Structure formats: structure tokens, C-alpha cells
């Protein structure tokens, strides 16, 4: 399949849909079809691409800073809040 055929087979998504897929993309949760649509959109939308780059950088920074465990008091508080749900 040529790139042109592949592009014609990739359904277009709009910016709102791309942003909705962004966090699933960051977490590696997109299936092949969703990933193709997301990457296709990012390949031609500078605004969404810039937003995704910012989110990737932020996500990486958060992962690097989360090396230790949360204090026990915070863990207990979160467990309590979750149990209330």
C-alpha cells in the first residue's frame, strides 16, 4: 500500500477528537486504528502537535518527579476518599 492509499484509508479526526485521544495516546491505550487517526492528525495540525508536545514533556516531568512513595497520611486519605465512592 502506498502512502497515498494509506492516507485515503485513514479517517480524518478534528482537533477536539485528537485532544480527547491525547491522554490515551500518552498512556499507550490507543488501538491501531485510533493511533493511525491520531498520528495522521498530528502530522498536519501544528496546533494539536504543539499541545501534544507540551503534554508529553509535562507527563515525562511528572514521571521523573514521582520517584518516591506518597506520605502514608496522603495514602490513607486517598483510600478513604476512594472508599466513599
N, C-alpha and C. Protein backbone atom coordinates (compact mmCIF):
# COMPACT_ATOMS: atom_id res chain seq x y z
N UNK A 1 0.86 -1.19 0.00
CA UNK A 1 0.00 0.00 0.00
C UNK A 1 0.89 1.24 0.00
N UNK A 2 0.60 2.18 -0.87
CA UNK A 2 1.38 3.41 -0.93
C UNK A 2 0.94 4.35 0.17
N UNK A 3 1.76 5.38 0.42
CA UNK A 3 1.39 6.37 1.44
C UNK A 3 0.09 7.07 1.07
N UNK A 4 -0.10 7.32 -0.21
CA UNK A 4 -1.33 8.00 -0.65
C UNK A 4 -2.55 7.12 -0.38
N UNK A 5 -2.44 5.82 -0.63
CA UNK A 5 -3.55 4.92 -0.35
C UNK A 5 -3.81 4.84 1.15
N UNK A 6 -2.71 4.81 1.94
CA UNK A 6 -2.84 4.76 3.39
C UNK A 6 -3.53 6.00 3.90
N UNK A 7 -3.17 7.17 3.38
CA UNK A 7 -3.79 8.42 3.81
C UNK A 7 -5.28 8.43 3.49
N UNK A 8 -5.63 7.92 2.33
CA UNK A 8 -7.05 7.93 1.97
C UNK A 8 -7.84 6.96 2.82
N UNK A 9 -7.18 5.93 3.38
CA UNK A 9 -7.86 4.96 4.24
C UNK A 9 -7.94 5.43 5.68
N UNK A 10 -7.21 6.48 6.05
CA UNK A 10 -7.22 6.99 7.41
C UNK A 10 -8.31 8.05 7.53
N UNK A 11 -9.30 7.74 8.33
CA UNK A 11 -10.41 8.67 8.55
C UNK A 11 -9.90 9.89 9.29
N UNK A 12 -10.29 11.05 8.82
CA UNK A 12 -9.88 12.30 9.45
C UNK A 12 -10.59 12.48 10.79
N UNK A 13 -9.88 13.02 11.75
CA UNK A 13 -10.49 13.43 13.01
C UNK A 13 -10.24 14.92 13.18
N UNK A 14 -11.10 15.57 13.96
CA UNK A 14 -10.92 17.00 14.18
C UNK A 14 -10.07 17.22 15.43
N UNK A 15 -9.79 18.47 15.72
CA UNK A 15 -8.92 18.82 16.85
C UNK A 15 -9.49 18.35 18.19
N UNK A 16 -10.78 18.47 18.37
CA UNK A 16 -11.40 18.04 19.63
C UNK A 16 -11.20 16.54 19.83
N UNK A 17 -11.41 15.77 18.78
CA UNK A 17 -11.21 14.33 18.87
C UNK A 17 -9.74 13.99 19.15
N UNK A 18 -8.83 14.73 18.52
CA UNK A 18 -7.40 14.49 18.73
C UNK A 18 -7.01 14.75 20.18
N UNK A 19 -7.51 15.84 20.75
CA UNK A 19 -7.20 16.16 22.14
C UNK A 19 -7.83 15.13 23.08
N UNK A 20 -9.01 14.63 22.73
CA UNK A 20 -9.64 13.59 23.55
C UNK A 20 -8.81 12.30 23.52
N UNK A 21 -8.12 12.03 22.43
CA UNK A 21 -7.27 10.85 22.32
C UNK A 21 -5.89 11.04 22.93
N UNK A 22 -5.52 12.28 23.20
CA UNK A 22 -4.17 12.60 23.65
C UNK A 22 -3.75 11.82 24.88
N UNK A 23 -4.57 11.78 25.91
CA UNK A 23 -4.18 11.13 27.15
C UNK A 23 -4.13 9.61 27.01
N UNK A 24 -5.02 9.06 26.20
CA UNK A 24 -4.95 7.63 25.91
C UNK A 24 -3.66 7.33 25.13
N UNK A 25 -3.28 8.24 24.24
CA UNK A 25 -2.03 8.10 23.49
C UNK A 25 -0.84 8.09 24.46
N UNK A 26 -0.82 9.05 25.39
CA UNK A 26 0.27 9.14 26.35
C UNK A 26 0.38 7.89 27.20
N UNK A 27 -0.75 7.26 27.48
CA UNK A 27 -0.77 6.06 28.31
C UNK A 27 -0.65 4.77 27.50
N UNK A 28 -0.49 4.90 26.16
CA UNK A 28 -0.34 3.73 25.30
C UNK A 28 -1.60 2.90 25.19
N UNK A 29 -2.75 3.56 25.26
CA UNK A 29 -4.04 2.85 25.27
C UNK A 29 -4.80 2.89 23.94
N UNK A 30 -4.20 3.44 22.90
CA UNK A 30 -4.90 3.52 21.62
C UNK A 30 -4.74 2.23 20.84
N UNK A 31 -5.83 1.78 20.19
CA UNK A 31 -5.69 0.64 19.29
C UNK A 31 -5.07 1.13 17.98
N UNK A 32 -4.77 0.22 17.08
CA UNK A 32 -4.06 0.58 15.84
C UNK A 32 -4.81 1.62 15.02
N UNK A 33 -6.13 1.48 14.94
CA UNK A 33 -6.93 2.42 14.15
C UNK A 33 -6.92 3.82 14.77
N UNK A 34 -7.12 3.88 16.08
CA UNK A 34 -7.10 5.17 16.78
C UNK A 34 -5.72 5.82 16.67
N UNK A 35 -4.68 5.02 16.82
CA UNK A 35 -3.32 5.53 16.73
C UNK A 35 -3.05 6.11 15.34
N UNK A 36 -3.50 5.43 14.30
CA UNK A 36 -3.31 5.92 12.94
C UNK A 36 -4.02 7.25 12.73
N UNK A 37 -5.25 7.36 13.23
CA UNK A 37 -6.01 8.61 13.10
C UNK A 37 -5.32 9.73 13.87
N UNK A 38 -4.89 9.43 15.09
CA UNK A 38 -4.22 10.42 15.93
C UNK A 38 -2.93 10.91 15.27
N UNK A 39 -2.10 9.98 14.84
CA UNK A 39 -0.82 10.35 14.22
C UNK A 39 -1.03 11.11 12.92
N UNK A 40 -2.05 10.72 12.16
CA UNK A 40 -2.34 11.43 10.91
C UNK A 40 -2.71 12.88 11.21
N UNK A 41 -3.56 13.09 12.21
CA UNK A 41 -3.97 14.45 12.57
C UNK A 41 -2.76 15.25 13.05
N UNK A 42 -1.94 14.65 13.91
CA UNK A 42 -0.77 15.35 14.44
C UNK A 42 0.22 15.70 13.34
N UNK A 43 0.22 14.89 12.28
CA UNK A 43 1.12 15.14 11.16
C UNK A 43 0.79 16.38 10.36
N UNK A 44 -0.43 16.89 10.47
CA UNK A 44 -0.79 18.07 9.68
C UNK A 44 -1.39 19.21 10.49
N UNK A 45 -1.59 19.03 11.80
CA UNK A 45 -2.17 20.11 12.61
C UNK A 45 -1.11 20.62 13.60
N UNK A 46 -0.55 21.75 13.29
CA UNK A 46 0.53 22.30 14.12
C UNK A 46 0.06 22.63 15.53
N UNK A 47 -1.15 23.12 15.68
CA UNK A 47 -1.69 23.48 16.98
C UNK A 47 -1.79 22.26 17.89
N UNK A 48 -2.38 21.19 17.40
CA UNK A 48 -2.52 19.97 18.20
C UNK A 48 -1.16 19.34 18.46
N UNK A 49 -0.29 19.40 17.47
CA UNK A 49 1.05 18.84 17.66
C UNK A 49 1.77 19.57 18.78
N UNK A 50 1.68 20.89 18.79
CA UNK A 50 2.32 21.68 19.85
C UNK A 50 1.73 21.34 21.21
N UNK A 51 0.42 21.21 21.27
CA UNK A 51 -0.24 20.84 22.53
C UNK A 51 0.22 19.48 23.00
N UNK A 52 0.32 18.54 22.07
CA UNK A 52 0.73 17.19 22.45
C UNK A 52 2.17 17.16 22.93
N UNK A 53 3.03 17.95 22.31
CA UNK A 53 4.43 18.02 22.74
C UNK A 53 4.53 18.58 24.16
N UNK A 54 3.73 19.58 24.46
CA UNK A 54 3.70 20.14 25.82
C UNK A 54 3.24 19.08 26.82
N UNK A 55 2.19 18.35 26.49
CA UNK A 55 1.67 17.32 27.38
C UNK A 55 2.67 16.18 27.55
N UNK A 56 3.38 15.81 26.49
CA UNK A 56 4.40 14.77 26.58
C UNK A 56 5.51 15.22 27.53
N UNK A 57 5.97 16.45 27.37
CA UNK A 57 7.02 16.99 28.24
C UNK A 57 6.55 17.04 29.70
N UNK A 58 5.34 17.49 29.91
CA UNK A 58 4.78 17.56 31.26
C UNK A 58 4.65 16.17 31.86
N UNK A 59 4.14 15.23 31.09
CA UNK A 59 3.98 13.85 31.54
C UNK A 59 5.34 13.25 31.93
N UNK A 60 6.36 13.49 31.11
CA UNK A 60 7.70 12.99 31.41
C UNK A 60 8.25 13.61 32.69
N UNK A 61 8.02 14.88 32.87
CA UNK A 61 8.49 15.58 34.07
C UNK A 61 7.82 15.02 35.33
N UNK A 62 6.52 14.77 35.23
CA UNK A 62 5.78 14.21 36.37
C UNK A 62 6.32 12.81 36.70
N UNK A 63 6.56 11.99 35.68
CA UNK A 63 7.08 10.65 35.91
C UNK A 63 8.44 10.70 36.60
N UNK A 64 9.29 11.63 36.19
CA UNK A 64 10.62 11.75 36.79
C UNK A 64 10.54 12.20 38.25
N UNK A 65 9.57 13.05 38.56
CA UNK A 65 9.47 13.58 39.92
C UNK A 65 8.76 12.63 40.87
N UNK A 66 8.12 11.63 40.35
CA UNK A 66 7.34 10.70 41.18
C UNK A 66 8.16 9.45 41.52
N UNK A 67 9.36 9.66 42.01
CA UNK A 67 10.24 8.53 42.30
C UNK A 67 9.92 7.87 43.63
N UNK A 68 9.49 8.64 44.60
CA UNK A 68 9.23 8.09 45.93
C UNK A 68 7.77 7.79 46.15
N UNK A 69 7.49 7.24 47.31
CA UNK A 69 6.11 6.96 47.69
C UNK A 69 5.48 8.19 48.31
N UNK A 70 4.18 8.28 48.16
CA UNK A 70 3.44 9.36 48.81
C UNK A 70 3.47 9.12 50.31
N UNK A 71 3.43 10.19 51.11
CA UNK A 71 3.39 10.02 52.56
C UNK A 71 2.19 9.17 52.97
N UNK A 72 2.35 8.41 54.05
CA UNK A 72 1.29 7.50 54.49
C UNK A 72 -0.02 8.23 54.78
N UNK A 73 0.06 9.42 55.33
CA UNK A 73 -1.16 10.19 55.61
C UNK A 73 -1.93 10.48 54.32
N UNK A 74 -1.22 10.81 53.26
CA UNK A 74 -1.87 11.08 51.97
C UNK A 74 -2.46 9.79 51.41
N UNK A 75 -1.73 8.70 51.50
CA UNK A 75 -2.24 7.42 51.01
C UNK A 75 -3.54 7.04 51.73
N UNK A 76 -3.54 7.22 53.06
CA UNK A 76 -4.75 6.90 53.84
C UNK A 76 -5.91 7.79 53.45
N UNK A 77 -5.63 9.05 53.24
CA UNK A 77 -6.68 10.00 52.85
C UNK A 77 -7.29 9.61 51.50
N UNK A 78 -6.43 9.26 50.56
CA UNK A 78 -6.90 8.86 49.23
C UNK A 78 -7.72 7.57 49.31
N UNK A 79 -7.24 6.60 50.10
CA UNK A 79 -8.01 5.36 50.27
C UNK A 79 -9.39 5.65 50.83
N UNK A 80 -9.44 6.53 51.82
CA UNK A 80 -10.71 6.90 52.43
C UNK A 80 -11.65 7.55 51.40
N UNK A 81 -11.12 8.45 50.59
CA UNK A 81 -11.94 9.11 49.56
C UNK A 81 -12.43 8.09 48.53
N UNK A 82 -11.58 7.17 48.14
CA UNK A 82 -11.97 6.15 47.16
C UNK A 82 -13.03 5.24 47.74
N UNK A 83 -12.87 4.87 49.00
CA UNK A 83 -13.86 4.01 49.65
C UNK A 83 -15.24 4.65 49.70
N UNK A 84 -15.29 5.98 49.76
CA UNK A 84 -16.57 6.70 49.80
C UNK A 84 -17.30 6.64 48.47
N UNK A 85 -16.58 6.40 47.39
CA UNK A 85 -17.20 6.39 46.07
C UNK A 85 -18.13 5.26 45.89
